[in-house]
Amino acid sequence: MKSRACPVLICDDSMLIRKKLRATLEELDCQVYEAKNGLECVEMFKLHTPHTIFLDIVMPELDGLEALKQIKQCDKSARVIMLSSTGTAKKLLEALKNGATDFIQKPYTKDQIAKAIGYIE
């Protein structure tokens, strides 16, 4: 089991998804930051350098794939997990090609989130 209170960034344009994921992550003792679009996500990443980023793909202003590229330009070792309901094979492959650590299909389970942040094996 990894150390608790790891900083995590959630980026999703749905307030409901952010709220639900925040509750799950706080149960796992994570410090949670939120962004509602890709532009905000990149800025929050630079500001807080979180341990893990949960990133939606389809968002206004800057989509998740573009945000992923910008985050990876800042820090090649950033742990970015794509969390999306639009899990097309093409977008998944593009995300992995651009350095995403993993891809979780919505709706997700608490165990998937815990495993993604290294809380459980």
PDB file of N, CA and C in Angstrom:
ATOM      1  N   MET A   1       0.846  -1.192   0.000  1.00  0.00           N
ATOM      2  CA  MET A   1       0.000   0.000   0.000  1.00  0.00           C
ATOM      3  C   MET A   1       0.885   1.246   0.000  1.00  0.00           C
ATOM      4  N   LYS A   2       0.569   2.191  -0.837  1.00  0.00           N
ATOM      5  CA  LYS A   2       1.332   3.431  -0.950  1.00  0.00           C
ATOM      6  C   LYS A   2       0.942   4.405   0.157  1.00  0.00           C
ATOM      7  N   SER A   3       1.737   5.461   0.301  1.00  0.00           N
ATOM      8  CA  SER A   3       1.424   6.479   1.316  1.00  0.00           C
ATOM      9  C   SER A   3       0.147   7.216   0.941  1.00  0.00           C
ATOM     10  N   ARG A   4      -0.584   7.617   1.964  1.00  0.00           N
ATOM     11  CA  ARG A   4      -1.848   8.291   1.726  1.00  0.00           C
ATOM     12  C   ARG A   4      -1.630   9.784   1.511  1.00  0.00           C
ATOM     13  N   ALA A   5      -2.725  10.487   1.308  1.00  0.00           N
ATOM     14  CA  ALA A   5      -2.729  11.937   1.101  1.00  0.00           C
ATOM     15  C   ALA A   5      -1.980  12.341  -0.161  1.00  0.00           C
ATOM     16  N   CYS A   6      -1.975  11.464  -1.167  1.00  0.00           N
ATOM     17  CA  CYS A   6      -1.314  11.835  -2.420  1.00  0.00           C
ATOM     18  C   CYS A   6      -2.199  12.847  -3.158  1.00  0.00           C
ATOM     19  N   PRO A   7      -1.567  13.871  -3.720  1.00  0.00           N
ATOM     20  CA  PRO A   7      -2.349  14.865  -4.467  1.00  0.00           C
ATOM     21  C   PRO A   7      -2.822  14.311  -5.811  1.00  0.00           C
ATOM     22  N   VAL A   8      -4.111  14.512  -6.075  1.00  0.00           N
ATOM     23  CA  VAL A   8      -4.725  14.009  -7.304  1.00  0.00           C
ATOM     24  C   VAL A   8      -5.511  15.141  -7.960  1.00  0.00           C
ATOM     25  N   LEU A   9      -5.417  15.214  -9.286  1.00  0.00           N
ATOM     26  CA  LEU A   9      -6.158  16.213 -10.052  1.00  0.00           C
ATOM     27  C   LEU A   9      -7.233  15.517 -10.873  1.00  0.00           C
ATOM     28  N   ILE A  10      -8.464  15.998 -10.738  1.00  0.00           N
ATOM     29  CA  ILE A  10      -9.589  15.498 -11.532  1.00  0.00           C
ATOM     30  C   ILE A  10      -9.889  16.553 -12.595  1.00  0.00           C
ATOM     31  N   CYS A  11      -9.969  16.127 -13.837  1.00  0.00           N
ATOM     32  CA  CYS A  11     -10.352  17.059 -14.894  1.00  0.00           C
ATOM     33  C   CYS A  11     -11.508  16.465 -15.691  1.00  0.00           C
ATOM     34  N   ASP A  12     -12.681  17.078 -15.512  1.00  0.00           N
ATOM     35  CA  ASP A  12     -13.883  16.633 -16.218  1.00  0.00           C
ATOM     36  C   ASP A  12     -14.821  17.822 -16.317  1.00  0.00           C
ATOM     37  N   ASP A  13     -15.497  17.975 -17.451  1.00  0.00           N
ATOM     38  CA  ASP A  13     -16.416  19.104 -17.593  1.00  0.00           C
ATOM     39  C   ASP A  13     -17.732  18.870 -16.869  1.00  0.00           C
ATOM     40  N   SER A  14     -17.967  17.649 -16.382  1.00  0.00           N
ATOM     41  CA  SER A  14     -19.181  17.347 -15.632  1.00  0.00           C
ATOM     42  C   SER A  14     -18.948  17.560 -14.134  1.00  0.00           C
ATOM     43  N   MET A  15     -19.696  18.496 -13.554  1.00  0.00           N
ATOM     44  CA  MET A  15     -19.571  18.761 -12.130  1.00  0.00           C
ATOM     45  C   MET A  15     -19.946  17.521 -11.317  1.00  0.00           C
ATOM     46  N   LEU A  16     -20.947  16.789 -11.795  1.00  0.00           N
ATOM     47  CA  LEU A  16     -21.396  15.584 -11.107  1.00  0.00           C
ATOM     48  C   LEU A  16     -20.282  14.534 -11.041  1.00  0.00           C
ATOM     49  N   ILE A  17     -19.601  14.316 -12.153  1.00  0.00           N
ATOM     50  CA  ILE A  17     -18.482  13.357 -12.191  1.00  0.00           C
ATOM     51  C   ILE A  17     -17.379  13.826 -11.241  1.00  0.00           C
ATOM     52  N   ARG A  18     -17.032  15.116 -11.296  1.00  0.00           N
ATOM     53  CA  ARG A  18     -15.975  15.631 -10.404  1.00  0.00           C
ATOM     54  C   ARG A  18     -16.355  15.422  -8.943  1.00  0.00           C
ATOM     55  N   LYS A  19     -17.611  15.710  -8.608  1.00  0.00           N
ATOM     56  CA  LYS A  19     -18.071  15.573  -7.220  1.00  0.00           C
ATOM     57  C   LYS A  19     -17.997  14.112  -6.757  1.00  0.00           C
ATOM     58  N   LYS A  20     -18.459  13.202  -7.608  1.00  0.00           N
ATOM     59  CA  LYS A  20     -18.464  11.770  -7.273  1.00  0.00           C
ATOM     60  C   LYS A  20     -17.034  11.242  -7.144  1.00  0.00           C
ATOM     61  N   LEU A  21     -16.176  11.607  -8.086  1.00  0.00           N
ATOM     62  CA  LEU A  21     -14.796  11.136  -8.055  1.00  0.00           C
ATOM     63  C   LEU A  21     -14.040  11.742  -6.866  1.00  0.00           C
ATOM     64  N   ARG A  22     -14.308  13.012  -6.564  1.00  0.00           N
ATOM     65  CA  ARG A  22     -13.690  13.653  -5.391  1.00  0.00           C
ATOM     66  C   ARG A  22     -14.040  12.870  -4.122  1.00  0.00           C
ATOM     67  N   ALA A  23     -15.322  12.506  -3.968  1.00  0.00           N
ATOM     68  CA  ALA A  23     -15.760  11.770  -2.778  1.00  0.00           C
ATOM     69  C   ALA A  23     -15.014  10.439  -2.669  1.00  0.00           C
ATOM     70  N   THR A  24     -14.883   9.732  -3.784  1.00  0.00           N
ATOM     71  CA  THR A  24     -14.162   8.455  -3.797  1.00  0.00           C
ATOM     72  C   THR A  24     -12.704   8.657  -3.408  1.00  0.00           C
ATOM     73  N   LEU A  25     -12.058   9.650  -4.004  1.00  0.00           N
ATOM     74  CA  LEU A  25     -10.640   9.902  -3.730  1.00  0.00           C
ATOM     75  C   LEU A  25     -10.409  10.378  -2.292  1.00  0.00           C
ATOM     76  N   GLU A  26     -11.326  11.190  -1.765  1.00  0.00           N
ATOM     77  CA  GLU A  26     -11.187  11.647  -0.380  1.00  0.00           C
ATOM     78  C   GLU A  26     -11.357  10.488   0.598  1.00  0.00           C
ATOM     79  N   GLU A  27     -12.203   9.516   0.256  1.00  0.00           N
ATOM     80  CA  GLU A  27     -12.317   8.298   1.076  1.00  0.00           C
ATOM     81  C   GLU A  27     -10.980   7.562   1.119  1.00  0.00           C
ATOM     82  N   LEU A  28     -10.199   7.702   0.065  1.00  0.00           N
ATOM     83  CA  LEU A  28      -8.884   7.061  -0.024  1.00  0.00           C
ATOM     84  C   LEU A  28      -7.775   7.985   0.510  1.00  0.00           C
ATOM     85  N   ASP A  29      -8.179   9.040   1.202  1.00  0.00           N
ATOM     86  CA  ASP A  29      -7.255  10.013   1.814  1.00  0.00           C
ATOM     87  C   ASP A  29      -6.396  10.778   0.818  1.00  0.00           C
ATOM     88  N   CYS A  30      -6.929  11.061  -0.354  1.00  0.00           N
ATOM     89  CA  CYS A  30      -6.198  11.853  -1.341  1.00  0.00           C
ATOM     90  C   CYS A  30      -6.523  13.331  -1.166  1.00  0.00           C
ATOM     91  N   GLN A  31      -5.559  14.154  -1.484  1.00  0.00           N
ATOM     92  CA  GLN A  31      -5.779  15.596  -1.572  1.00  0.00           C
ATOM     93  C   GLN A  31      -6.231  15.838  -3.014  1.00  0.00           C
ATOM     94  N   VAL A  32      -7.408  16.448  -3.187  1.00  0.00           N
ATOM     95  CA  VAL A  32      -8.008  16.522  -4.513  1.00  0.00           C
ATOM     96  C   VAL A  32      -8.072  17.955  -5.037  1.00  0.00           C
ATOM     97  N   TYR A  33      -7.640  18.110  -6.294  1.00  0.00           N
ATOM     98  CA  TYR A  33      -7.790  19.366  -7.030  1.00  0.00           C
ATOM     99  C   TYR A  33      -8.725  19.081  -8.195  1.00  0.00           C
ATOM    100  N   GLU A  34      -9.424  20.115  -8.653  1.00  0.00           N
ATOM    101  CA  GLU A  34     -10.370  19.934  -9.761  1.00  0.00           C
ATOM    102  C   GLU A  34     -10.139  20.951 -10.864  1.00  0.00           C
ATOM    103  N   ALA A  35     -10.401  20.508 -12.085  1.00  0.00           N
ATOM    104  CA  ALA A  35     -10.393  21.381 -13.256  1.00  0.00           C
ATOM    105  C   ALA A  35     -11.592  21.002 -14.112  1.00  0.00           C
ATOM    106  N   LYS A  36     -12.211  22.002 -14.754  1.00  0.00           N
ATOM    107  CA  LYS A  36     -13.420  21.716 -15.537  1.00  0.00           C
ATOM    108  C   LYS A  36     -13.179  21.657 -17.042  1.00  0.00           C
ATOM    109  N   ASN A  37     -11.942  21.905 -17.468  1.00  0.00           N
ATOM    110  CA  ASN A  37     -11.596  21.752 -18.882  1.00  0.00           C
ATOM    111  C   ASN A  37     -10.083  21.553 -19.006  1.00  0.00           C
ATOM    112  N   GLY A  38      -9.645  21.240 -20.205  1.00  0.00           N
ATOM    113  CA  GLY A  38      -8.235  20.945 -20.434  1.00  0.00           C
ATOM    114  C   GLY A  38      -7.295  22.096 -20.135  1.00  0.00           C
ATOM    115  N   LEU A  39      -7.712  23.320 -20.452  1.00  0.00           N
ATOM    116  CA  LEU A  39      -6.866  24.488 -20.163  1.00  0.00           C
ATOM    117  C   LEU A  39      -6.626  24.617 -18.667  1.00  0.00           C
ATOM    118  N   GLU A  40      -7.701  24.512 -17.904  1.00  0.00           N
ATOM    119  CA  GLU A  40      -7.603  24.592 -16.447  1.00  0.00           C
ATOM    120  C   GLU A  40      -6.740  23.450 -15.912  1.00  0.00           C
ATOM    121  N   CYS A  41      -6.880  22.294 -16.500  1.00  0.00           N
ATOM    122  CA  CYS A  41      -6.133  21.118 -16.074  1.00  0.00           C
ATOM    123  C   CYS A  41      -4.624  21.344 -16.203  1.00  0.00           C
ATOM    124  N   VAL A  42      -4.195  21.859 -17.328  1.00  0.00           N
ATOM    125  CA  VAL A  42      -2.767  22.096 -17.554  1.00  0.00           C
ATOM    126  C   VAL A  42      -2.240  23.116 -16.541  1.00  0.00           C
ATOM    127  N   GLU A  43      -3.011  24.182 -16.297  1.00  0.00           N
ATOM    128  CA  GLU A  43      -2.601  25.189 -15.310  1.00  0.00           C
ATOM    129  C   GLU A  43      -2.532  24.598 -13.904  1.00  0.00           C
ATOM    130  N   MET A  44      -3.542  23.806 -13.523  1.00  0.00           N
ATOM    131  CA  MET A  44      -3.558  23.177 -12.198  1.00  0.00           C
ATOM    132  C   MET A  44      -2.402  22.192 -12.055  1.00  0.00           C
ATOM    133  N   PHE A  45      -2.076  21.489 -13.123  1.00  0.00           N
ATOM    134  CA  PHE A  45      -0.954  20.560 -13.091  1.00  0.00           C
ATOM    135  C   PHE A  45       0.339  21.313 -12.797  1.00  0.00           C
ATOM    136  N   LYS A  46       0.553  22.424 -13.491  1.00  0.00           N
ATOM    137  CA  LYS A  46       1.774  23.211 -13.288  1.00  0.00           C
ATOM    138  C   LYS A  46       1.845  23.764 -11.859  1.00  0.00           C
ATOM    139  N   LEU A  47       0.692  24.124 -11.325  1.00  0.00           N
ATOM    140  CA  LEU A  47       0.617  24.722  -9.993  1.00  0.00           C
ATOM    141  C   LEU A  47       0.817  23.696  -8.881  1.00  0.00           C
ATOM    142  N   HIS A  48       0.227  22.522  -9.006  1.00  0.00           N
ATOM    143  CA  HIS A  48       0.192  21.555  -7.902  1.00  0.00           C
ATOM    144  C   HIS A  48       1.011  20.282  -8.114  1.00  0.00           C
ATOM    145  N   THR A  49       1.482  20.018  -9.337  1.00  0.00           N
ATOM    146  CA  THR A  49       2.180  18.772  -9.689  1.00  0.00           C
ATOM    147  C   THR A  49       1.627  17.547  -8.946  1.00  0.00           C
ATOM    148  N   PRO A  50       0.393  17.174  -9.255  1.00  0.00           N
ATOM    149  CA  PRO A  50      -0.239  16.037  -8.575  1.00  0.00           C
ATOM    150  C   PRO A  50       0.430  14.705  -8.908  1.00  0.00           C
ATOM    151  N   HIS A  51       0.227  13.741  -8.028  1.00  0.00           N
ATOM    152  CA  HIS A  51       0.736  12.380  -8.198  1.00  0.00           C
ATOM    153  C   HIS A  51       0.049  11.705  -9.386  1.00  0.00           C
ATOM    154  N   THR A  52      -1.266  11.925  -9.522  1.00  0.00           N
ATOM    155  CA  THR A  52      -2.059  11.297 -10.569  1.00  0.00           C
ATOM    156  C   THR A  52      -3.095  12.290 -11.095  1.00  0.00           C
ATOM    157  N   ILE A  53      -3.378  12.219 -12.390  1.00  0.00           N
ATOM    158  CA  ILE A  53      -4.405  13.047 -13.009  1.00  0.00           C
ATOM    159  C   ILE A  53      -5.437  12.118 -13.644  1.00  0.00           C
ATOM    160  N   PHE A  54      -6.713  12.348 -13.316  1.00  0.00           N
ATOM    161  CA  PHE A  54      -7.815  11.657 -13.985  1.00  0.00           C
ATOM    162  C   PHE A  54      -8.366  12.640 -15.004  1.00  0.00           C
ATOM    163  N   LEU A  55      -8.279  12.276 -16.277  1.00  0.00           N
ATOM    164  CA  LEU A  55      -8.547  13.221 -17.354  1.00  0.00           C
ATOM    165  C   LEU A  55      -9.615  12.700 -18.306  1.00  0.00           C
ATOM    166  N   ASP A  56     -10.697  13.469 -18.432  1.00  0.00           N
ATOM    167  CA  ASP A  56     -11.753  13.153 -19.398  1.00  0.00           C
ATOM    168  C   ASP A  56     -11.219  13.461 -20.794  1.00  0.00           C
ATOM    169  N   ILE A  57     -11.810  12.873 -21.812  1.00  0.00           N
ATOM    170  CA  ILE A  57     -11.351  13.142 -23.182  1.00  0.00           C
ATOM    171  C   ILE A  57     -12.149  14.266 -23.825  1.00  0.00           C
ATOM    172  N   VAL A  58     -13.474  14.158 -23.802  1.00  0.00           N
ATOM    173  CA  VAL A  58     -14.309  15.135 -24.498  1.00  0.00           C
ATOM    174  C   VAL A  58     -14.669  16.281 -23.550  1.00  0.00           C
ATOM    175  N   MET A  59     -14.072  17.464 -23.801  1.00  0.00           N
ATOM    176  CA  MET A  59     -14.302  18.649 -22.966  1.00  0.00           C
ATOM    177  C   MET A  59     -14.217  19.901 -23.827  1.00  0.00           C
ATOM    178  N   PRO A  60     -14.834  20.974 -23.356  1.00  0.00           N
ATOM    179  CA  PRO A  60     -14.732  22.242 -24.085  1.00  0.00           C
ATOM    180  C   PRO A  60     -13.355  22.882 -23.882  1.00  0.00           C
ATOM    181  N   GLU A  61     -13.045  23.840 -24.725  1.00  0.00           N
ATOM    182  CA  GLU A  61     -11.833  24.671 -24.673  1.00  0.00           C
ATOM    183  C   GLU A  61     -10.561  23.927 -25.048  1.00  0.00           C
ATOM    184  N   LEU A  62     -10.280  22.819 -24.386  1.00  0.00           N
ATOM    185  CA  LEU A  62      -9.115  22.005 -24.722  1.00  0.00           C
ATOM    186  C   LEU A  62      -9.475  20.576 -24.340  1.00  0.00           C
ATOM    187  N   ASP A  63      -9.470  19.664 -25.317  1.00  0.00           N
ATOM    188  CA  ASP A  63      -9.893  18.299 -24.987  1.00  0.00           C
ATOM    189  C   ASP A  63      -8.802  17.561 -24.216  1.00  0.00           C
ATOM    190  N   GLY A  64      -9.167  16.392 -23.702  1.00  0.00           N
ATOM    191  CA  GLY A  64      -8.260  15.634 -22.864  1.00  0.00           C
ATOM    192  C   GLY A  64      -7.001  15.168 -23.565  1.00  0.00           C
ATOM    193  N   LEU A  65      -7.102  14.824 -24.842  1.00  0.00           N
ATOM    194  CA  LEU A  65      -5.925  14.365 -25.573  1.00  0.00           C
ATOM    195  C   LEU A  65      -4.906  15.492 -25.730  1.00  0.00           C
ATOM    196  N   GLU A  66      -5.390  16.694 -26.005  1.00  0.00           N
ATOM    197  CA  GLU A  66      -4.489  17.839 -26.143  1.00  0.00           C
ATOM    198  C   GLU A  66      -3.902  18.230 -24.779  1.00  0.00           C
ATOM    199  N   ALA A  67      -4.730  18.181 -23.736  1.00  0.00           N
ATOM    200  CA  ALA A  67      -4.244  18.475 -22.378  1.00  0.00           C
ATOM    201  C   ALA A  67      -3.169  17.461 -21.982  1.00  0.00           C
ATOM    202  N   LEU A  68      -3.393  16.193 -22.315  1.00  0.00           N
ATOM    203  CA  LEU A  68      -2.414  15.140 -22.042  1.00  0.00           C
ATOM    204  C   LEU A  68      -1.068  15.483 -22.689  1.00  0.00           C
ATOM    205  N   LYS A  69      -1.091  15.875 -23.950  1.00  0.00           N
ATOM    206  CA  LYS A  69       0.146  16.219 -24.665  1.00  0.00           C
ATOM    207  C   LYS A  69       0.875  17.363 -23.960  1.00  0.00           C
ATOM    208  N   GLN A  70       0.126  18.392 -23.555  1.00  0.00           N
ATOM    209  CA  GLN A  70       0.744  19.549 -22.900  1.00  0.00           C
ATOM    210  C   GLN A  70       1.319  19.179 -21.525  1.00  0.00           C
ATOM    211  N   ILE A  71       0.600  18.333 -20.798  1.00  0.00           N
ATOM    212  CA  ILE A  71       1.091  17.890 -19.480  1.00  0.00           C
ATOM    213  C   ILE A  71       2.377  17.088 -19.658  1.00  0.00           C
ATOM    214  N   LYS A  72       2.405  16.210 -20.634  1.00  0.00           N
ATOM    215  CA  LYS A  72       3.591  15.394 -20.886  1.00  0.00           C
ATOM    216  C   LYS A  72       4.780  16.231 -21.355  1.00  0.00           C
ATOM    217  N   GLN A  73       4.503  17.371 -22.019  1.00  0.00           N
ATOM    218  CA  GLN A  73       5.594  18.279 -22.399  1.00  0.00           C
ATOM    219  C   GLN A  73       6.215  18.898 -21.149  1.00  0.00           C
ATOM    220  N   CYS A  74       5.399  19.150 -20.128  1.00  0.00           N
ATOM    221  CA  CYS A  74       5.876  19.723 -18.864  1.00  0.00           C
ATOM    222  C   CYS A  74       6.622  18.684 -18.039  1.00  0.00           C
ATOM    223  N   ASP A  75       6.095  17.458 -18.020  1.00  0.00           N
ATOM    224  CA  ASP A  75       6.654  16.405 -17.175  1.00  0.00           C
ATOM    225  C   ASP A  75       6.384  15.047 -17.813  1.00  0.00           C
ATOM    226  N   LYS A  76       7.423  14.477 -18.409  1.00  0.00           N
ATOM    227  CA  LYS A  76       7.272  13.197 -19.113  1.00  0.00           C
ATOM    228  C   LYS A  76       6.823  12.062 -18.187  1.00  0.00           C
ATOM    229  N   SER A  77       7.084  12.192 -16.877  1.00  0.00           N
ATOM    230  CA  SER A  77       6.742  11.112 -15.945  1.00  0.00           C
ATOM    231  C   SER A  77       5.367  11.296 -15.301  1.00  0.00           C
ATOM    232  N   ALA A  78       4.609  12.300 -15.727  1.00  0.00           N
ATOM    233  CA  ALA A  78       3.274  12.537 -15.150  1.00  0.00           C
ATOM    234  C   ALA A  78       2.389  11.309 -15.338  1.00  0.00           C
ATOM    235  N   ARG A  79       1.658  10.946 -14.262  1.00  0.00           N
ATOM    236  CA  ARG A  79       0.727   9.801 -14.304  1.00  0.00           C
ATOM    237  C   ARG A  79      -0.650  10.324 -14.700  1.00  0.00           C
ATOM    238  N   VAL A  80      -1.020  10.084 -15.943  1.00  0.00           N
ATOM    239  CA  VAL A  80      -2.309  10.549 -16.447  1.00  0.00           C
ATOM    240  C   VAL A  80      -3.170   9.347 -16.798  1.00  0.00           C
ATOM    241  N   ILE A  81      -4.341   9.288 -16.171  1.00  0.00           N
ATOM    242  CA  ILE A  81      -5.283   8.204 -16.423  1.00  0.00           C
ATOM    243  C   ILE A  81      -6.505   8.789 -17.119  1.00  0.00           C
ATOM    244  N   MET A  82      -6.749   8.337 -18.313  1.00  0.00           N
ATOM    245  CA  MET A  82      -7.902   8.806 -19.064  1.00  0.00           C
ATOM    246  C   MET A  82      -9.150   8.148 -18.471  1.00  0.00           C
ATOM    247  N   LEU A  83     -10.143   8.976 -18.199  1.00  0.00           N
ATOM    248  CA  LEU A  83     -11.382   8.506 -17.587  1.00  0.00           C
ATOM    249  C   LEU A  83     -12.510   9.031 -18.466  1.00  0.00           C
ATOM    250  N   SER A  84     -13.051   8.165 -19.303  1.00  0.00           N
ATOM    251  CA  SER A  84     -14.001   8.659 -20.286  1.00  0.00           C
ATOM    252  C   SER A  84     -15.099   7.655 -20.605  1.00  0.00           C
ATOM    253  N   SER A  85     -16.249   8.182 -20.974  1.00  0.00           N
ATOM    254  CA  SER A  85     -17.350   7.313 -21.398  1.00  0.00           C
ATOM    255  C   SER A  85     -17.294   7.089 -22.905  1.00  0.00           C
ATOM    256  N   THR A  86     -16.517   7.903 -23.597  1.00  0.00           N
ATOM    257  CA  THR A  86     -16.393   7.752 -25.046  1.00  0.00           C
ATOM    258  C   THR A  86     -15.109   6.991 -25.351  1.00  0.00           C
ATOM    259  N   GLY A  87     -15.086   5.727 -24.951  1.00  0.00           N
ATOM    260  CA  GLY A  87     -13.872   4.926 -25.076  1.00  0.00           C
ATOM    261  C   GLY A  87     -13.708   4.287 -26.437  1.00  0.00           C
ATOM    262  N   THR A  88     -13.612   5.097 -27.478  1.00  0.00           N
ATOM    263  CA  THR A  88     -13.378   4.512 -28.792  1.00  0.00           C
ATOM    264  C   THR A  88     -11.942   4.017 -28.855  1.00  0.00           C
ATOM    265  N   ALA A  89     -11.732   2.960 -29.584  1.00  0.00           N
ATOM    266  CA  ALA A  89     -10.398   2.368 -29.702  1.00  0.00           C
ATOM    267  C   ALA A  89      -9.392   3.391 -30.226  1.00  0.00           C
ATOM    268  N   LYS A  90      -9.824   4.221 -31.165  1.00  0.00           N
ATOM    269  CA  LYS A  90      -8.916   5.213 -31.753  1.00  0.00           C
ATOM    270  C   LYS A  90      -8.440   6.225 -30.701  1.00  0.00           C
ATOM    271  N   LYS A  91      -9.375   6.749 -29.906  1.00  0.00           N
ATOM    272  CA  LYS A  91      -9.007   7.721 -28.870  1.00  0.00           C
ATOM    273  C   LYS A  91      -8.154   7.064 -27.782  1.00  0.00           C
ATOM    274  N   LEU A  92      -8.481   5.835 -27.436  1.00  0.00           N
ATOM    275  CA  LEU A  92      -7.709   5.101 -26.437  1.00  0.00           C
ATOM    276  C   LEU A  92      -6.271   4.912 -26.917  1.00  0.00           C
ATOM    277  N   LEU A  93      -6.106   4.464 -28.144  1.00  0.00           N
ATOM    278  CA  LEU A  93      -4.766   4.264 -28.699  1.00  0.00           C
ATOM    279  C   LEU A  93      -3.995   5.576 -28.752  1.00  0.00           C
ATOM    280  N   GLU A  94      -4.669   6.651 -29.137  1.00  0.00           N
ATOM    281  CA  GLU A  94      -4.009   7.952 -29.198  1.00  0.00           C
ATOM    282  C   GLU A  94      -3.563   8.400 -27.807  1.00  0.00           C
ATOM    283  N   ALA A  95      -4.417   8.193 -26.809  1.00  0.00           N
ATOM    284  CA  ALA A  95      -4.076   8.566 -25.433  1.00  0.00           C
ATOM    285  C   ALA A  95      -2.861   7.777 -24.945  1.00  0.00           C
ATOM    286  N   LEU A  96      -2.865   6.471 -25.181  1.00  0.00           N
ATOM    287  CA  LEU A  96      -1.737   5.635 -24.746  1.00  0.00           C
ATOM    288  C   LEU A  96      -0.462   6.001 -25.501  1.00  0.00           C
ATOM    289  N   LYS A  97      -0.595   6.289 -26.793  1.00  0.00           N
ATOM    290  CA  LYS A  97       0.556   6.688 -27.615  1.00  0.00           C
ATOM    291  C   LYS A  97       1.161   7.999 -27.100  1.00  0.00           C
ATOM    292  N   ASN A  98       0.304   8.863 -26.558  1.00  0.00           N
ATOM    293  CA  ASN A  98       0.772  10.155 -26.059  1.00  0.00           C
ATOM    294  C   ASN A  98       1.163  10.125 -24.579  1.00  0.00           C
ATOM    295  N   GLY A  99       1.228   8.921 -24.010  1.00  0.00           N
ATOM    296  CA  GLY A  99       1.779   8.802 -22.670  1.00  0.00           C
ATOM    297  C   GLY A  99       0.807   8.579 -21.534  1.00  0.00           C
ATOM    298  N   ALA A 100      -0.475   8.344 -21.829  1.00  0.00           N
ATOM    299  CA  ALA A 100      -1.416   8.046 -20.745  1.00  0.00           C
ATOM    300  C   ALA A 100      -0.985   6.749 -20.057  1.00  0.00           C
ATOM    301  N   THR A 101      -1.115   6.714 -18.744  1.00  0.00           N
ATOM    302  CA  THR A 101      -0.724   5.550 -17.960  1.00  0.00           C
ATOM    303  C   THR A 101      -1.764   4.443 -18.072  1.00  0.00           C
ATOM    304  N   ASP A 102      -3.027   4.845 -18.132  1.00  0.00           N
ATOM    305  CA  ASP A 102      -4.112   3.862 -18.136  1.00  0.00           C
ATOM    306  C   ASP A 102      -5.366   4.527 -18.696  1.00  0.00           C
ATOM    307  N   PHE A 103      -6.399   3.714 -18.889  1.00  0.00           N
ATOM    308  CA  PHE A 103      -7.672   4.203 -19.401  1.00  0.00           C
ATOM    309  C   PHE A 103      -8.768   3.502 -18.624  1.00  0.00           C
ATOM    310  N   ILE A 104      -9.652   4.269 -17.996  1.00  0.00           N
ATOM    311  CA  ILE A 104     -10.772   3.706 -17.248  1.00  0.00           C
ATOM    312  C   ILE A 104     -12.071   4.178 -17.893  1.00  0.00           C
ATOM    313  N   GLN A 105     -12.921   3.213 -18.194  1.00  0.00           N
ATOM    314  CA  GLN A 105     -14.216   3.509 -18.813  1.00  0.00           C
ATOM    315  C   GLN A 105     -15.222   3.929 -17.744  1.00  0.00           C
ATOM    316  N   LYS A 106     -15.958   5.023 -17.977  1.00  0.00           N
ATOM    317  CA  LYS A 106     -17.056   5.394 -17.085  1.00  0.00           C
ATOM    318  C   LYS A 106     -18.253   4.491 -17.410  1.00  0.00           C
ATOM    319  N   PRO A 107     -19.044   4.086 -16.462  1.00  0.00           N
ATOM    320  CA  PRO A 107     -18.888   4.346 -15.026  1.00  0.00           C
ATOM    321  C   PRO A 107     -17.785   3.460 -14.445  1.00  0.00           C
ATOM    322  N   TYR A 108     -17.030   4.006 -13.502  1.00  0.00           N
ATOM    323  CA  TYR A 108     -15.898   3.314 -12.891  1.00  0.00           C
ATOM    324  C   TYR A 108     -16.304   2.770 -11.513  1.00  0.00           C
ATOM    325  N   THR A 109     -15.448   1.942 -10.937  1.00  0.00           N
ATOM    326  CA  THR A 109     -15.685   1.447  -9.583  1.00  0.00           C
ATOM    327  C   THR A 109     -14.644   2.053  -8.639  1.00  0.00           C
ATOM    328  N   LYS A 110     -14.942   2.026  -7.362  1.00  0.00           N
ATOM    329  CA  LYS A 110     -13.995   2.533  -6.362  1.00  0.00           C
ATOM    330  C   LYS A 110     -12.690   1.749  -6.438  1.00  0.00           C
ATOM    331  N   ASP A 111     -12.766   0.433  -6.645  1.00  0.00           N
ATOM    332  CA  ASP A 111     -11.563  -0.392  -6.747  1.00  0.00           C
ATOM    333  C   ASP A 111     -10.693   0.016  -7.938  1.00  0.00           C
ATOM    334  N   GLN A 112     -11.323   0.349  -9.062  1.00  0.00           N
ATOM    335  CA  GLN A 112     -10.549   0.799 -10.229  1.00  0.00           C
ATOM    336  C   GLN A 112      -9.775   2.071  -9.894  1.00  0.00           C
ATOM    337  N   ILE A 113     -10.429   2.984  -9.188  1.00  0.00           N
ATOM    338  CA  ILE A 113      -9.785   4.253  -8.820  1.00  0.00           C
ATOM    339  C   ILE A 113      -8.662   3.999  -7.816  1.00  0.00           C
ATOM    340  N   ALA A 114      -8.924   3.168  -6.808  1.00  0.00           N
ATOM    341  CA  ALA A 114      -7.912   2.849  -5.798  1.00  0.00           C
ATOM    342  C   ALA A 114      -6.688   2.198  -6.439  1.00  0.00           C
ATOM    343  N   LYS A 115      -6.923   1.305  -7.379  1.00  0.00           N
ATOM    344  CA  LYS A 115      -5.818   0.645  -8.078  1.00  0.00           C
ATOM    345  C   LYS A 115      -5.048   1.650  -8.938  1.00  0.00           C
ATOM    346  N   ALA A 116      -5.758   2.543  -9.584  1.00  0.00           N
ATOM    347  CA  ALA A 116      -5.131   3.535 -10.458  1.00  0.00           C
ATOM    348  C   ALA A 116      -4.173   4.469  -9.707  1.00  0.00           C
ATOM    349  N   ILE A 117      -4.503   4.790  -8.459  1.00  0.00           N
ATOM    350  CA  ILE A 117      -3.625   5.678  -7.696  1.00  0.00           C
ATOM    351  C   ILE A 117      -2.582   4.893  -6.893  1.00  0.00           C
ATOM    352  N   GLY A 118      -2.597   3.563  -7.042  1.00  0.00           N
ATOM    353  CA  GLY A 118      -1.610   2.744  -6.355  1.00  0.00           C
ATOM    354  C   GLY A 118      -1.972   2.423  -4.927  1.00  0.00           C
ATOM    355  N   TYR A 119      -3.224   2.645  -4.584  1.00  0.00           N
ATOM    356  CA  TYR A 119      -3.680   2.402  -3.210  1.00  0.00           C
ATOM    357  C   TYR A 119      -3.821   0.911  -2.934  1.00  0.00           C
ATOM    358  N   ILE A 120      -4.258   0.157  -3.961  1.00  0.00           N
ATOM    359  CA  ILE A 120      -4.312  -1.295  -3.863  1.00  0.00           C
ATOM    360  C   ILE A 120      -3.610  -1.881  -5.086  1.00  0.00           C
ATOM    361  N   GLU A 121      -3.117  -3.071  -4.928  1.00  0.00           N
ATOM    362  CA  GLU A 121      -2.414  -3.740  -6.043  1.00  0.00           C
ATOM    363  C   GLU A 121      -3.412  -4.331  -7.017  1.00  0.00           C
TER     364      GLU A 121
END
